[in-house]
């Protein structure tokens, strides 16, 4: 599961949204993409210690196996997902 912590006012977050949506479709057999608006889900963001955005976290078997703080390009993200299969 790839979790994208974002906010609508965050420019890098909005820049990543189109290719995250594309990855959700293209790689649906490998990864499920969830987007969490930190403004709407403040308590969850606090509990998970999300102090900046965008943050991407990849979970496998209920454990976080990868994290990206800040913007990442589509190619780099796809490579990271593929390495962790």
PDB file of N, CA and C in Angstrom:
ATOM      1  N   UNK A   1       0.855  -1.177   0.000  1.00  0.00           N
ATOM      2  CA  UNK A   1       0.000   0.000   0.000  1.00  0.00           C
ATOM      3  C   UNK A   1       0.896   1.234   0.000  1.00  0.00           C
ATOM      4  N   UNK A   2       0.648   2.118  -0.954  1.00  0.00           N
ATOM      5  CA  UNK A   2       1.366   3.388  -1.026  1.00  0.00           C
ATOM      6  C   UNK A   2       0.435   4.468  -0.501  1.00  0.00           C
ATOM      7  N   UNK A   3       0.858   5.146   0.579  1.00  0.00           N
ATOM      8  CA  UNK A   3       0.042   6.195   1.177  1.00  0.00           C
ATOM      9  C   UNK A   3       0.669   7.547   0.866  1.00  0.00           C
ATOM     10  N   UNK A   4      -0.136   8.408   0.275  1.00  0.00           N
ATOM     11  CA  UNK A   4       0.278   9.775  -0.071  1.00  0.00           C
ATOM     12  C   UNK A   4      -0.364  10.726   0.924  1.00  0.00           C
ATOM     13  N   UNK A   5       0.441  11.351   1.770  1.00  0.00           N
ATOM     14  CA  UNK A   5      -0.052  12.360   2.707  1.00  0.00           C
ATOM     15  C   UNK A   5       0.101  13.705   2.015  1.00  0.00           C
ATOM     16  N   UNK A   6      -1.012  14.427   1.867  1.00  0.00           N
ATOM     17  CA  UNK A   6      -1.022  15.647   1.060  1.00  0.00           C
ATOM     18  C   UNK A   6      -2.010  16.667   1.636  1.00  0.00           C
ATOM     19  N   UNK A   7      -2.020  17.841   1.024  1.00  0.00           N
ATOM     20  CA  UNK A   7      -3.038  18.870   1.277  1.00  0.00           C
ATOM     21  C   UNK A   7      -3.306  19.570  -0.055  1.00  0.00           C
ATOM     22  N   UNK A   8      -4.519  20.045  -0.224  1.00  0.00           N
ATOM     23  CA  UNK A   8      -4.902  20.700  -1.475  1.00  0.00           C
ATOM     24  C   UNK A   8      -4.105  21.975  -1.761  1.00  0.00           C
ATOM     25  N   UNK A   9      -3.596  22.640  -0.722  1.00  0.00           N
ATOM     26  CA  UNK A   9      -2.846  23.879  -0.909  1.00  0.00           C
ATOM     27  C   UNK A   9      -1.365  23.635  -1.216  1.00  0.00           C
ATOM     28  N   UNK A  10      -0.935  22.376  -1.177  1.00  0.00           N
ATOM     29  CA  UNK A  10       0.473  22.007  -1.361  1.00  0.00           C
ATOM     30  C   UNK A  10       0.778  21.823  -2.853  1.00  0.00           C
ATOM     31  N   UNK A  11       1.566  22.729  -3.426  1.00  0.00           N
ATOM     32  CA  UNK A  11       1.871  22.676  -4.861  1.00  0.00           C
ATOM     33  C   UNK A  11       2.580  21.385  -5.281  1.00  0.00           C
ATOM     34  N   UNK A  12       3.626  20.935  -4.562  1.00  0.00           N
ATOM     35  CA  UNK A  12       4.251  19.670  -4.955  1.00  0.00           C
ATOM     36  C   UNK A  12       3.269  18.489  -4.875  1.00  0.00           C
ATOM     37  N   UNK A  13       2.392  18.520  -3.893  1.00  0.00           N
ATOM     38  CA  UNK A  13       1.381  17.456  -3.751  1.00  0.00           C
ATOM     39  C   UNK A  13       0.479  17.411  -4.979  1.00  0.00           C
ATOM     40  N   UNK A  14       0.036  18.563  -5.420  1.00  0.00           N
ATOM     41  CA  UNK A  14      -0.858  18.625  -6.577  1.00  0.00           C
ATOM     42  C   UNK A  14      -0.122  18.251  -7.867  1.00  0.00           C
ATOM     43  N   UNK A  15       1.173  18.543  -7.918  1.00  0.00           N
ATOM     44  CA  UNK A  15       1.970  18.173  -9.090  1.00  0.00           C
ATOM     45  C   UNK A  15       2.110  16.647  -9.175  1.00  0.00           C
ATOM     46  N   UNK A  16       2.139  15.969  -8.031  1.00  0.00           N
ATOM     47  CA  UNK A  16       2.296  14.516  -7.988  1.00  0.00           C
ATOM     48  C   UNK A  16       0.977  13.770  -8.218  1.00  0.00           C
ATOM     49  N   UNK A  17      -0.151  14.404  -7.953  1.00  0.00           N
ATOM     50  CA  UNK A  17      -1.442  13.721  -8.022  1.00  0.00           C
ATOM     51  C   UNK A  17      -1.709  13.022  -9.355  1.00  0.00           C
ATOM     52  N   UNK A  18      -1.494  13.669 -10.510  1.00  0.00           N
ATOM     53  CA  UNK A  18      -1.801  12.983 -11.780  1.00  0.00           C
ATOM     54  C   UNK A  18      -1.033  11.679 -11.969  1.00  0.00           C
ATOM     55  N   UNK A  19       0.253  11.664 -11.633  1.00  0.00           N
ATOM     56  CA  UNK A  19       0.982  10.414 -11.845  1.00  0.00           C
ATOM     57  C   UNK A  19       0.737   9.409 -10.731  1.00  0.00           C
ATOM     58  N   UNK A  20       0.333   9.850  -9.548  1.00  0.00           N
ATOM     59  CA  UNK A  20      -0.090   8.893  -8.519  1.00  0.00           C
ATOM     60  C   UNK A  20      -1.379   8.195  -8.951  1.00  0.00           C
ATOM     61  N   UNK A  21      -2.289   8.960  -9.545  1.00  0.00           N
ATOM     62  CA  UNK A  21      -3.526   8.370 -10.066  1.00  0.00           C
ATOM     63  C   UNK A  21      -3.213   7.372 -11.184  1.00  0.00           C
ATOM     64  N   UNK A  22      -2.251   7.719 -12.024  1.00  0.00           N
ATOM     65  CA  UNK A  22      -1.846   6.846 -13.124  1.00  0.00           C
ATOM     66  C   UNK A  22      -1.207   5.561 -12.591  1.00  0.00           C
ATOM     67  N   UNK A  23      -0.352   5.683 -11.594  1.00  0.00           N
ATOM     68  CA  UNK A  23       0.283   4.519 -10.971  1.00  0.00           C
ATOM     69  C   UNK A  23      -0.773   3.618 -10.331  1.00  0.00           C
ATOM     70  N   UNK A  24      -1.779   4.227  -9.712  1.00  0.00           N
ATOM     71  CA  UNK A  24      -2.852   3.441  -9.079  1.00  0.00           C
ATOM     72  C   UNK A  24      -3.536   2.529 -10.087  1.00  0.00           C
ATOM     73  N   UNK A  25      -3.659   2.983 -11.324  1.00  0.00           N
ATOM     74  CA  UNK A  25      -4.282   2.185 -12.386  1.00  0.00           C
ATOM     75  C   UNK A  25      -3.265   1.237 -13.020  1.00  0.00           C
ATOM     76  N   UNK A  26      -2.133   1.788 -13.452  1.00  0.00           N
ATOM     77  CA  UNK A  26      -1.118   1.007 -14.171  1.00  0.00           C
ATOM     78  C   UNK A  26      -0.518  -0.112 -13.331  1.00  0.00           C
ATOM     79  N   UNK A  27      -0.369   0.131 -12.038  1.00  0.00           N
ATOM     80  CA  UNK A  27       0.306  -0.834 -11.164  1.00  0.00           C
ATOM     81  C   UNK A  27      -0.651  -1.429 -10.139  1.00  0.00           C
ATOM     82  N   UNK A  28      -1.914  -1.510 -10.478  1.00  0.00           N
ATOM     83  CA  UNK A  28      -2.928  -1.964  -9.521  1.00  0.00           C
ATOM     84  C   UNK A  28      -2.677  -3.377  -9.002  1.00  0.00           C
ATOM     85  N   UNK A  29      -1.959  -4.198  -9.752  1.00  0.00           N
ATOM     86  CA  UNK A  29      -1.633  -5.548  -9.292  1.00  0.00           C
ATOM     87  C   UNK A  29      -0.484  -5.544  -8.277  1.00  0.00           C
ATOM     88  N   UNK A  30       0.333  -4.491  -8.298  1.00  0.00           N
ATOM     89  CA  UNK A  30       1.488  -4.412  -7.413  1.00  0.00           C
ATOM     90  C   UNK A  30       1.256  -3.565  -6.171  1.00  0.00           C
ATOM     91  N   UNK A  31       0.459  -2.499  -6.319  1.00  0.00           N
ATOM     92  CA  UNK A  31       0.328  -1.544  -5.213  1.00  0.00           C
ATOM     93  C   UNK A  31      -1.057  -0.902  -5.212  1.00  0.00           C
ATOM     94  N   UNK A  32      -1.563  -0.671  -4.011  1.00  0.00           N
ATOM     95  CA  UNK A  32      -2.803   0.085  -3.841  1.00  0.00           C
ATOM     96  C   UNK A  32      -2.396   1.473  -3.355  1.00  0.00           C
ATOM     97  N   UNK A  33      -2.900   2.508  -4.017  1.00  0.00           N
ATOM     98  CA  UNK A  33      -2.546   3.881  -3.668  1.00  0.00           C
ATOM     99  C   UNK A  33      -3.683   4.510  -2.868  1.00  0.00           C
ATOM    100  N   UNK A  34      -3.335   5.029  -1.695  1.00  0.00           N
ATOM    101  CA  UNK A  34      -4.288   5.744  -0.849  1.00  0.00           C
ATOM    102  C   UNK A  34      -3.783   7.162  -0.659  1.00  0.00           C
ATOM    103  N   UNK A  35      -4.700   8.110  -0.739  1.00  0.00           N
ATOM    104  CA  UNK A  35      -4.328   9.514  -0.511  1.00  0.00           C
ATOM    105  C   UNK A  35      -4.996   9.979   0.774  1.00  0.00           C
ATOM    106  N   UNK A  36      -4.221  10.594   1.651  1.00  0.00           N
ATOM    107  CA  UNK A  36      -4.731  11.068   2.930  1.00  0.00           C
ATOM    108  C   UNK A  36      -4.515  12.569   3.019  1.00  0.00           C
ATOM    109  N   UNK A  37      -5.617  13.310   3.058  1.00  0.00           N
ATOM    110  CA  UNK A  37      -5.565  14.770   3.208  1.00  0.00           C
ATOM    111  C   UNK A  37      -5.271  15.079   4.672  1.00  0.00           C
ATOM    112  N   UNK A  38      -4.103  15.644   4.943  1.00  0.00           N
ATOM    113  CA  UNK A  38      -3.705  15.901   6.328  1.00  0.00           C
ATOM    114  C   UNK A  38      -4.541  16.991   6.987  1.00  0.00           C
ATOM    115  N   UNK A  39      -5.188  17.825   6.200  1.00  0.00           N
ATOM    116  CA  UNK A  39      -6.083  18.843   6.763  1.00  0.00           C
ATOM    117  C   UNK A  39      -7.375  18.200   7.268  1.00  0.00           C
ATOM    118  N   UNK A  40      -7.884  17.249   6.530  1.00  0.00           N
ATOM    119  CA  UNK A  40      -9.120  16.558   6.903  1.00  0.00           C
ATOM    120  C   UNK A  40      -8.869  15.544   8.006  1.00  0.00           C
ATOM    121  N   UNK A  41      -7.704  14.921   7.985  1.00  0.00           N
ATOM    122  CA  UNK A  41      -7.379  13.845   8.940  1.00  0.00           C
ATOM    123  C   UNK A  41      -6.199  14.263   9.822  1.00  0.00           C
ATOM    124  N   UNK A  42      -6.373  15.376  10.535  1.00  0.00           N
ATOM    125  CA  UNK A  42      -5.291  15.933  11.358  1.00  0.00           C
ATOM    126  C   UNK A  42      -4.846  14.984  12.460  1.00  0.00           C
ATOM    127  N   UNK A  43      -5.794  14.311  13.107  1.00  0.00           N
ATOM    128  CA  UNK A  43      -5.414  13.415  14.208  1.00  0.00           C
ATOM    129  C   UNK A  43      -4.587  12.241  13.696  1.00  0.00           C
ATOM    130  N   UNK A  44      -4.939  11.694  12.538  1.00  0.00           N
ATOM    131  CA  UNK A  44      -4.161  10.609  11.948  1.00  0.00           C
ATOM    132  C   UNK A  44      -2.762  11.099  11.577  1.00  0.00           C
ATOM    133  N   UNK A  45      -2.693  12.272  10.963  1.00  0.00           N
ATOM    134  CA  UNK A  45      -1.392  12.846  10.593  1.00  0.00           C
ATOM    135  C   UNK A  45      -0.517  13.038  11.839  1.00  0.00           C
ATOM    136  N   UNK A  46      -1.107  13.525  12.917  1.00  0.00           N
ATOM    137  CA  UNK A  46      -0.358  13.700  14.166  1.00  0.00           C
ATOM    138  C   UNK A  46       0.100  12.360  14.726  1.00  0.00           C
ATOM    139  N   UNK A  47      -0.793  11.389  14.723  1.00  0.00           N
ATOM    140  CA  UNK A  47      -0.474  10.054  15.253  1.00  0.00           C
ATOM    141  C   UNK A  47       0.675   9.412  14.469  1.00  0.00           C
ATOM    142  N   UNK A  48       0.702   9.626  13.160  1.00  0.00           N
ATOM    143  CA  UNK A  48       1.751   9.048  12.307  1.00  0.00           C
ATOM    144  C   UNK A  48       2.969   9.956  12.170  1.00  0.00           C
ATOM    145  N   UNK A  49       2.962  11.064  12.924  1.00  0.00           N
ATOM    146  CA  UNK A  49       4.075  12.019  12.946  1.00  0.00           C
ATOM    147  C   UNK A  49       4.389  12.595  11.563  1.00  0.00           C
ATOM    148  N   UNK A  50       3.330  12.975  10.857  1.00  0.00           N
ATOM    149  CA  UNK A  50       3.471  13.638   9.565  1.00  0.00           C
ATOM    150  C   UNK A  50       3.632  15.128   9.856  1.00  0.00           C
ATOM    151  N   UNK A  51       4.848  15.634   9.703  1.00  0.00           N
ATOM    152  CA  UNK A  51       5.113  17.029  10.060  1.00  0.00           C
ATOM    153  C   UNK A  51       5.373  17.915   8.845  1.00  0.00           C
ATOM    154  N   UNK A  52       5.463  17.309   7.673  1.00  0.00           N
ATOM    155  CA  UNK A  52       5.672  18.052   6.432  1.00  0.00           C
ATOM    156  C   UNK A  52       4.993  17.263   5.323  1.00  0.00           C
ATOM    157  N   UNK A  53       4.700  17.919   4.226  1.00  0.00           N
ATOM    158  CA  UNK A  53       4.103  17.233   3.079  1.00  0.00           C
ATOM    159  C   UNK A  53       4.758  17.725   1.802  1.00  0.00           C
ATOM    160  N   UNK A  54       4.736  16.974   0.746  1.00  0.00           N
ATOM    161  CA  UNK A  54       4.176  15.633   0.653  1.00  0.00           C
ATOM    162  C   UNK A  54       5.089  14.588   1.299  1.00  0.00           C
ATOM    163  N   UNK A  55       4.460  13.555   1.811  1.00  0.00           N
ATOM    164  CA  UNK A  55       5.173  12.375   2.302  1.00  0.00           C
ATOM    165  C   UNK A  55       4.500  11.166   1.679  1.00  0.00           C
ATOM    166  N   UNK A  56       5.306  10.306   1.113  1.00  0.00           N
ATOM    167  CA  UNK A  56       4.827   9.027   0.597  1.00  0.00           C
ATOM    168  C   UNK A  56       5.397   7.938   1.490  1.00  0.00           C
ATOM    169  N   UNK A  57       4.546   6.996   1.868  1.00  0.00           N
ATOM    170  CA  UNK A  57       5.001   5.849   2.648  1.00  0.00           C
ATOM    171  C   UNK A  57       4.484   4.584   1.983  1.00  0.00           C
ATOM    172  N   UNK A  58       5.368   3.621   1.844  1.00  0.00           N
ATOM    173  CA  UNK A  58       5.000   2.341   1.260  1.00  0.00           C
ATOM    174  C   UNK A  58       5.004   1.299   2.372  1.00  0.00           C
ATOM    175  N   UNK A  59       3.875   0.610   2.496  1.00  0.00           N
ATOM    176  CA  UNK A  59       3.711  -0.415   3.518  1.00  0.00           C
ATOM    177  C   UNK A  59       3.594  -1.782   2.855  1.00  0.00           C
ATOM    178  N   UNK A  60       4.252  -2.760   3.465  1.00  0.00           N
ATOM    179  CA  UNK A  60       4.176  -4.145   2.995  1.00  0.00           C
ATOM    180  C   UNK A  60       4.047  -5.031   4.231  1.00  0.00           C
ATOM    181  N   UNK A  61       3.024  -5.884   4.233  1.00  0.00           N
ATOM    182  CA  UNK A  61       2.776  -6.762   5.389  1.00  0.00           C
ATOM    183  C   UNK A  61       2.699  -5.971   6.698  1.00  0.00           C
ATOM    184  N   UNK A  62       1.979  -4.855   6.663  1.00  0.00           N
ATOM    185  CA  UNK A  62       1.732  -4.003   7.832  1.00  0.00           C
ATOM    186  C   UNK A  62       2.968  -3.298   8.379  1.00  0.00           C
ATOM    187  N   UNK A  63       4.037  -3.253   7.622  1.00  0.00           N
ATOM    188  CA  UNK A  63       5.243  -2.543   8.047  1.00  0.00           C
ATOM    189  C   UNK A  63       5.635  -1.529   6.984  1.00  0.00           C
ATOM    190  N   UNK A  64       6.090  -0.356   7.438  1.00  0.00           N
ATOM    191  CA  UNK A  64       6.567   0.641   6.503  1.00  0.00           C
ATOM    192  C   UNK A  64       7.924   0.191   5.973  1.00  0.00           C
ATOM    193  N   UNK A  65       8.040   0.099   4.649  1.00  0.00           N
ATOM    194  CA  UNK A  65       9.278  -0.379   4.039  1.00  0.00           C
ATOM    195  C   UNK A  65      10.003   0.708   3.244  1.00  0.00           C
ATOM    196  N   UNK A  66       9.343   1.856   3.057  1.00  0.00           N
ATOM    197  CA  UNK A  66       9.947   2.935   2.274  1.00  0.00           C
ATOM    198  C   UNK A  66       9.224   4.230   2.583  1.00  0.00           C
ATOM    199  N   UNK A  67       9.966   5.330   2.590  1.00  0.00           N
ATOM    200  CA  UNK A  67       9.369   6.647   2.821  1.00  0.00           C
ATOM    201  C   UNK A  67      10.090   7.676   1.961  1.00  0.00           C
ATOM    202  N   UNK A  68       9.310   8.598   1.430  1.00  0.00           N
ATOM    203  CA  UNK A  68       9.850   9.718   0.652  1.00  0.00           C
ATOM    204  C   UNK A  68       9.283  11.004   1.234  1.00  0.00           C
ATOM    205  N   UNK A  69      10.173  11.872   1.695  1.00  0.00           N
ATOM    206  CA  UNK A  69       9.762  13.184   2.184  1.00  0.00           C
ATOM    207  C   UNK A  69      10.022  14.186   1.077  1.00  0.00           C
ATOM    208  N   UNK A  70       8.964  14.892   0.658  1.00  0.00           N
ATOM    209  CA  UNK A  70       9.110  15.870  -0.405  1.00  0.00           C
ATOM    210  C   UNK A  70       8.782  15.275  -1.759  1.00  0.00           C
ATOM    211  N   UNK A  71       8.890  16.107  -2.764  1.00  0.00           N
ATOM    212  CA  UNK A  71       8.521  15.721  -4.129  1.00  0.00           C
ATOM    213  C   UNK A  71       9.406  14.598  -4.649  1.00  0.00           C
ATOM    214  N   UNK A  72       8.798  13.695  -5.418  1.00  0.00           N
ATOM    215  CA  UNK A  72       9.522  12.666  -6.155  1.00  0.00           C
ATOM    216  C   UNK A  72       8.872  12.571  -7.526  1.00  0.00           C
ATOM    217  N   UNK A  73       9.666  12.347  -8.538  1.00  0.00           N
ATOM    218  CA  UNK A  73       9.138  12.224  -9.891  1.00  0.00           C
ATOM    219  C   UNK A  73       8.519  10.848 -10.129  1.00  0.00           C
ATOM    220  N   UNK A  74       7.735  10.759 -11.185  1.00  0.00           N
ATOM    221  CA  UNK A  74       7.041   9.501 -11.505  1.00  0.00           C
ATOM    222  C   UNK A  74       8.016   8.361 -11.746  1.00  0.00           C
ATOM    223  N   UNK A  75       9.054   8.599 -12.521  1.00  0.00           N
ATOM    224  CA  UNK A  75      10.020   7.543 -12.844  1.00  0.00           C
ATOM    225  C   UNK A  75      10.678   7.005 -11.576  1.00  0.00           C
ATOM    226  N   UNK A  76      11.113   7.895 -10.700  1.00  0.00           N
ATOM    227  CA  UNK A  76      11.775   7.488  -9.465  1.00  0.00           C
ATOM    228  C   UNK A  76      10.823   6.717  -8.554  1.00  0.00           C
ATOM    229  N   UNK A  77       9.572   7.140  -8.515  1.00  0.00           N
ATOM    230  CA  UNK A  77       8.589   6.455  -7.685  1.00  0.00           C
ATOM    231  C   UNK A  77       8.320   5.049  -8.206  1.00  0.00           C
ATOM    232  N   UNK A  78       8.141   4.922  -9.509  1.00  0.00           N
ATOM    233  CA  UNK A  78       7.922   3.594 -10.103  1.00  0.00           C
ATOM    234  C   UNK A  78       9.121   2.671  -9.821  1.00  0.00           C
ATOM    235  N   UNK A  79      10.330   3.212  -9.918  1.00  0.00           N
ATOM    236  CA  UNK A  79      11.527   2.419  -9.637  1.00  0.00           C
ATOM    237  C   UNK A  79      11.552   1.960  -8.188  1.00  0.00           C
ATOM    238  N   UNK A  80      11.186   2.845  -7.265  1.00  0.00           N
ATOM    239  CA  UNK A  80      11.165   2.490  -5.841  1.00  0.00           C
ATOM    240  C   UNK A  80      10.145   1.381  -5.579  1.00  0.00           C
ATOM    241  N   UNK A  81       8.972   1.486  -6.181  1.00  0.00           N
ATOM    242  CA  UNK A  81       7.935   0.462  -6.005  1.00  0.00           C
ATOM    243  C   UNK A  81       8.428  -0.870  -6.566  1.00  0.00           C
ATOM    244  N   UNK A  82       9.015  -0.841  -7.746  1.00  0.00           N
ATOM    245  CA  UNK A  82       9.486  -2.067  -8.387  1.00  0.00           C
ATOM    246  C   UNK A  82      10.599  -2.742  -7.584  1.00  0.00           C
ATOM    247  N   UNK A  83      11.469  -1.975  -6.932  1.00  0.00           N
ATOM    248  CA  UNK A  83      12.543  -2.542  -6.125  1.00  0.00           C
ATOM    249  C   UNK A  83      11.997  -3.287  -4.906  1.00  0.00           C
ATOM    250  N   UNK A  84      10.833  -2.861  -4.437  1.00  0.00           N
ATOM    251  CA  UNK A  84      10.280  -3.429  -3.203  1.00  0.00           C
ATOM    252  C   UNK A  84       9.254  -4.527  -3.437  1.00  0.00           C
ATOM    253  N   UNK A  85       9.098  -4.966  -4.662  1.00  0.00           N
ATOM    254  CA  UNK A  85       8.130  -6.037  -4.956  1.00  0.00           C
ATOM    255  C   UNK A  85       8.511  -7.311  -4.249  1.00  0.00           C
TER     256      UNK A  85
END
